Protein backbone atom coordinates (compact mmCIF):
# COMPACT_ATOMS: atom_id res chain seq x y z
CA MET A 1 -7.61 19.77 8.54
CA THR A 2 -7.83 16.68 6.32
CA MET A 3 -5.24 14.02 5.76
CA ARG A 4 -3.29 14.43 2.57
CA THR A 5 -3.69 11.24 0.55
CA PRO A 6 -0.36 9.79 -0.60
CA PRO A 7 -0.07 9.30 -4.38
CA LEU A 8 -0.67 5.61 -5.16
CA ARG A 9 1.49 5.57 -8.28
CA GLN A 10 5.15 5.45 -9.20
CA LEU A 11 7.04 8.61 -8.36
CA PRO A 12 9.62 9.69 -10.95
CA GLY A 13 13.19 8.74 -10.21
CA ASP A 14 16.19 6.71 -11.33
CA SER A 15 17.56 5.60 -7.98
CA PRO A 16 18.91 2.10 -7.19
CA VAL A 17 15.60 1.34 -5.50
CA HIS A 18 13.67 2.25 -8.65
CA ARG A 19 15.94 -0.01 -10.72
CA LEU A 20 15.39 -3.07 -8.54
CA TRP A 21 13.21 -5.85 -9.90
CA ALA A 22 9.62 -5.63 -8.69
CA GLY A 23 9.80 -9.18 -7.34
CA THR A 24 12.80 -8.26 -5.20
CA LYS A 25 10.88 -5.44 -3.57
CA LEU A 26 7.94 -7.75 -2.90
CA LEU A 27 10.28 -10.33 -1.37
CA ILE A 28 11.86 -7.67 0.85
CA VAL A 29 8.41 -6.59 2.06
CA LEU A 30 7.54 -10.24 2.70
CA ILE A 31 10.76 -10.86 4.65
CA LEU A 32 10.34 -7.75 6.79
CA GLY A 33 6.67 -8.54 7.36
CA VAL A 34 7.41 -12.09 8.47
CA MET A 35 10.11 -10.80 10.79
CA THR A 36 7.73 -8.42 12.54
CA TRP A 37 5.09 -11.17 12.72
CA VAL A 38 7.40 -13.81 14.17
CA LEU A 39 9.21 -11.39 16.49
CA PRO A 40 6.87 -8.42 17.14
CA SER A 41 9.19 -6.62 19.52
CA TYR A 42 10.08 -2.95 19.58
CA PRO A 43 13.67 -3.55 18.37
CA SER A 44 12.42 -5.49 15.34
CA LEU A 45 9.79 -2.85 14.60
CA GLY A 46 12.41 -0.15 14.90
CA PHE A 47 14.70 -2.07 12.54
CA VAL A 48 11.95 -2.41 9.92
CA ALA A 49 11.06 1.27 10.27
CA LEU A 50 14.75 2.10 9.77
CA CYS A 51 14.82 -0.06 6.62
CA VAL A 52 11.79 1.77 5.23
CA LEU A 53 13.46 5.12 6.01
CA VAL A 54 16.70 4.07 4.30
CA PHE A 55 14.82 2.90 1.20
CA ALA A 56 12.91 6.21 1.11
CA LEU A 57 16.14 8.22 1.36
CA VAL A 58 17.89 6.15 -1.32
CA ALA A 59 14.84 6.40 -3.59
CA GLY A 60 14.70 10.17 -3.12
CA ILE A 61 11.05 10.26 -2.04
CA PRO A 62 10.05 13.95 -1.69
CA LEU A 63 8.71 15.15 1.64
CA GLY A 64 5.59 16.44 -0.10
CA ALA A 65 4.49 12.87 -0.87
CA ILE A 66 4.46 11.86 2.79
CA PRO A 67 0.92 12.19 4.24
CA ARG A 68 0.30 14.28 7.33
CA PRO A 69 -2.47 12.71 9.42
CA PRO A 70 -5.01 15.12 10.90
CA TRP A 71 -5.44 15.73 14.60
CA TRP A 72 -8.33 13.28 14.92
CA PHE A 73 -6.08 10.43 13.75
CA TRP A 74 -3.74 10.97 16.67
CA ALA A 75 -6.72 11.56 18.95
CA LEU A 76 -8.10 8.13 18.04
CA ILE A 77 -4.76 6.52 18.89
CA VAL A 78 -4.64 8.32 22.24
CA ALA A 79 -8.25 7.37 22.96
CA GLY A 80 -7.57 3.74 22.07
CA ALA A 81 -4.53 3.71 24.33
CA GLY A 82 -6.58 5.22 27.14
CA ILE A 83 -9.38 2.67 26.81
CA THR A 84 -6.81 -0.12 26.70
CA ALA A 85 -5.11 1.25 29.81
CA ILE A 86 -8.41 1.25 31.71
CA SER A 87 -9.29 -2.31 30.66
CA SER A 88 -5.87 -4.00 30.58
CA GLY A 89 -3.40 -1.75 32.36
CA GLY A 90 0.07 -0.73 31.24
CA SER A 91 0.88 -4.03 29.54
CA GLY A 92 -2.20 -3.67 27.35
CA VAL A 93 -1.12 -0.19 26.29
CA LEU A 94 2.26 -1.53 25.18
CA VAL A 95 0.56 -4.23 23.11
CA PHE A 96 -1.83 -1.67 21.60
CA MET A 97 0.98 0.72 20.65
CA ARG A 98 3.02 -2.15 19.22
CA GLY A 99 0.08 -3.25 17.06
CA THR A 100 -0.50 0.32 15.87
CA ALA A 101 3.16 0.72 14.98
CA LEU A 102 3.12 -2.60 13.12
CA GLY A 103 0.12 -1.55 11.04
CA LEU A 104 1.68 1.79 10.12
CA ILE A 105 5.00 0.18 9.20
CA VAL A 106 3.34 -2.45 6.98
CA LEU A 107 1.34 0.31 5.26
CA ALA A 108 4.54 2.33 4.73
CA MET A 109 6.31 -0.68 3.18
CA SER A 110 3.43 -1.27 0.77
CA ILE A 111 3.29 2.37 -0.29
CA MET A 112 7.07 2.38 -0.76
CA VAL A 113 6.77 -0.45 -3.31
CA ILE A 114 4.06 1.46 -5.18
CA TRP A 115 6.14 4.65 -5.20
CA THR A 116 9.20 2.97 -6.74
CA THR A 117 7.70 0.34 -9.06
CA PRO A 118 5.83 0.69 -12.38
CA MET A 119 2.42 -0.95 -12.20
CA ALA A 120 3.15 -2.88 -15.41
CA GLU A 121 5.91 -4.83 -13.61
CA ILE A 122 3.81 -5.97 -10.64
CA ALA A 123 1.79 -8.70 -12.37
CA PRO A 124 4.78 -10.37 -14.13
CA ALA A 125 6.79 -10.30 -10.89
CA ILE A 126 3.96 -11.89 -8.88
CA ALA A 127 3.44 -14.52 -11.57
CA ARG A 128 7.17 -15.38 -11.60
CA LEU A 129 7.38 -15.55 -7.80
CA MET A 130 4.38 -17.87 -7.63
CA THR A 131 5.56 -20.13 -10.47
CA PRO A 132 6.10 -23.14 -8.12
CA LEU A 133 2.39 -23.04 -7.28
CA LYS A 134 1.61 -23.94 -10.89
CA LEU A 135 2.73 -27.48 -10.04
CA LEU A 136 -0.37 -27.66 -7.84
CA ARG A 137 -2.49 -26.49 -10.79
CA LEU A 138 -3.35 -23.22 -9.08
CA PRO A 139 -4.44 -20.22 -11.23
CA VAL A 140 -1.28 -18.21 -10.64
CA ASP A 141 -1.60 -16.00 -13.72
CA GLU A 142 -5.20 -15.15 -12.88
CA TRP A 143 -4.22 -14.21 -9.34
CA ALA A 144 -1.43 -11.98 -10.62
CA VAL A 145 -3.78 -10.26 -13.06
CA CYS A 146 -6.37 -9.64 -10.33
CA ILE A 147 -3.74 -8.11 -8.03
CA ALA A 148 -2.33 -5.93 -10.81
CA LEU A 149 -5.75 -4.67 -11.90
CA SER A 150 -6.68 -3.94 -8.28
CA LEU A 151 -3.53 -1.88 -7.82
CA ARG A 152 -4.24 0.01 -11.01
CA GLY A 153 -7.89 0.59 -10.17
CA LEU A 154 -7.45 1.79 -6.58
CA PRO A 155 -5.94 5.19 -7.50
CA LEU A 156 -8.71 5.70 -10.06
CA LEU A 157 -11.36 4.94 -7.47
CA MET A 158 -9.82 7.32 -4.94
CA GLU A 159 -9.55 10.04 -7.56
CA GLU A 160 -13.19 9.49 -8.51
CA MET A 161 -14.35 9.90 -4.91
CA ARG A 162 -12.20 13.01 -4.55
CA MET A 163 -13.74 14.53 -7.68
CA LEU A 164 -17.26 13.72 -6.50
CA ARG A 165 -16.59 15.37 -3.17
CA ALA A 166 -15.02 18.42 -4.82
CA SER A 167 -17.94 18.81 -7.26
CA TYR A 168 -20.37 18.69 -4.34
CA ARG A 169 -18.50 21.43 -2.53
CA LEU A 170 -18.57 23.62 -5.65
CA ARG A 171 -22.36 23.49 -5.83
CA PRO A 172 -23.95 26.85 -4.94
CA SER A 173 -25.62 26.84 -1.56
CA SER A 174 -28.77 28.86 -1.26
CA ALA A 175 -31.54 29.08 1.28
CA ALA A 176 -34.03 27.81 -1.28
CA ASN A 177 -32.15 24.58 -1.93
CA SER A 178 -30.71 24.00 1.52
CA GLY A 179 -33.68 21.98 2.73
CA HIS A 180 -34.16 19.92 -0.45
CA PRO A 181 -33.01 16.28 -0.24
CA SER A 182 -31.01 16.63 -3.47
CA ALA A 183 -28.93 19.38 -1.85
CA GLU A 184 -27.58 16.93 0.72
CA MET A 185 -24.86 14.47 -0.26
CA GLY A 186 -23.63 12.12 2.40
CA ILE A 187 -20.94 9.49 2.40
CA ILE A 188 -23.43 6.85 1.19
CA ASP A 189 -24.23 8.91 -1.91
CA ILE A 190 -20.54 9.35 -2.68
CA ILE A 191 -19.88 5.61 -2.28
CA VAL A 192 -22.81 4.66 -4.53
CA ALA A 193 -21.73 7.14 -7.21
CA ALA A 194 -18.12 5.92 -6.98
CA MET A 195 -19.25 2.29 -7.30
CA SER A 196 -21.30 3.13 -10.39
CA SER A 197 -18.31 4.87 -11.94
CA ALA A 198 -16.03 1.95 -10.97
CA MET A 199 -18.32 -0.56 -12.69
CA ARG A 200 -18.34 1.59 -15.81
CA ARG A 201 -14.55 1.87 -15.76
CA ALA A 202 -14.24 -1.89 -15.16
CA ALA A 203 -16.38 -2.62 -18.21
CA GLU A 204 -14.31 -0.24 -20.34
CA MET A 205 -11.05 -1.74 -19.03
CA GLY A 206 -12.29 -5.26 -19.75
CA GLU A 207 -13.14 -4.32 -23.34
CA ALA A 208 -9.73 -2.67 -23.78
CA ILE A 209 -7.92 -5.75 -22.40
CA THR A 210 -9.90 -8.05 -24.68
CA ALA A 211 -9.12 -5.86 -27.69
CA ARG A 212 -5.40 -6.02 -26.88
CA GLY A 213 -5.21 -9.79 -26.70
CA GLY A 214 -6.55 -10.75 -23.27
CA THR A 215 -5.11 -10.85 -19.78
CA GLY A 216 -2.16 -13.01 -20.81
CA ARG A 217 -0.28 -9.94 -21.99
CA LEU A 218 -0.37 -8.48 -18.49
CA THR A 219 1.89 -11.25 -17.16
CA ALA A 220 4.04 -11.63 -20.29
CA TYR A 221 6.45 -8.80 -19.44
CA GLN A 222 9.94 -10.30 -19.36
CA SER A 223 11.57 -9.00 -16.19
CA ARG A 224 14.31 -10.83 -14.34
CA PRO A 225 16.36 -10.13 -11.22
CA GLY A 226 19.95 -9.03 -11.58
CA LYS A 227 23.07 -8.74 -9.46
CA ALA A 228 21.76 -5.67 -7.67
CA ASP A 229 18.68 -7.63 -6.59
CA ALA A 230 20.84 -10.41 -5.12
CA VAL A 231 22.92 -7.85 -3.23
CA ALA A 232 19.80 -6.10 -1.88
CA LEU A 233 18.25 -9.37 -0.73
CA GLY A 234 21.51 -10.46 0.87
CA LEU A 235 21.85 -7.20 2.77
CA VAL A 236 18.25 -7.36 4.01
CA LEU A 237 18.61 -10.99 5.12
CA ALA A 238 21.89 -10.27 6.91
CA ALA A 239 20.42 -7.23 8.63
CA CYS A 240 17.34 -9.22 9.68
CA ALA A 241 19.53 -11.99 11.10
CA ALA A 242 21.58 -9.44 13.03
CA ALA A 243 18.45 -7.71 14.36
CA ILE A 244 16.91 -11.03 15.46
CA THR A 245 20.16 -12.06 17.15
CA LEU A 246 20.41 -8.78 19.05
CA THR A 247 16.76 -9.01 20.08
CA VAL A 248 17.16 -12.55 21.40
CA VAL A 249 20.46 -11.84 23.15
CA LEU A 250 19.36 -8.60 24.72
């Protein structure tokens, strides 16, 4: 059993979450991430997980998009908890499980943004959010372009590796070719082939961007927050304040 890879692209939908400005979603992820970093307790982690679940329900994310980890994923977590218990005792296990939960929640928040946001809106939103850094003469637009291109290229790279693996499995296996070195294809071969394909795609993408006027067009998309974004940010901030207050009091 292999883990089903979640689609790293926008899922179709017209929910309130889809209509939010991309910068608002990034700010919400930042706020929730800072909350779990400053106060990494189980109540705060549970609150953030609840927020992610609510956003998924409002956005109408289908159950088929949610990945199902294989048995060895859970076995690694159990093994890590066991090793931690032997070396650090029960308190170490709690810290290990809390760190694992934090990593999974942060990954879920990032994927949620990808599922509900067009890739073309990511770079302009990042550039607008980092506008104050331009006063320090920092290359904000270049950073936004690099992040946007990385987000666009990651699904292509994963799809390329999946196709390479599938093509290898479709090759006929015979006794005559089973012992030949070319009949074997390990993970290193797949990575090298994927890197070669990625460099080719990067060169083609660079030529296409140059032909369309350069990277400046990637951050020129005029997107602004609206009233719904202010309401969403206000609700998240109020909920975070309430969760922090309950955690400190209790």
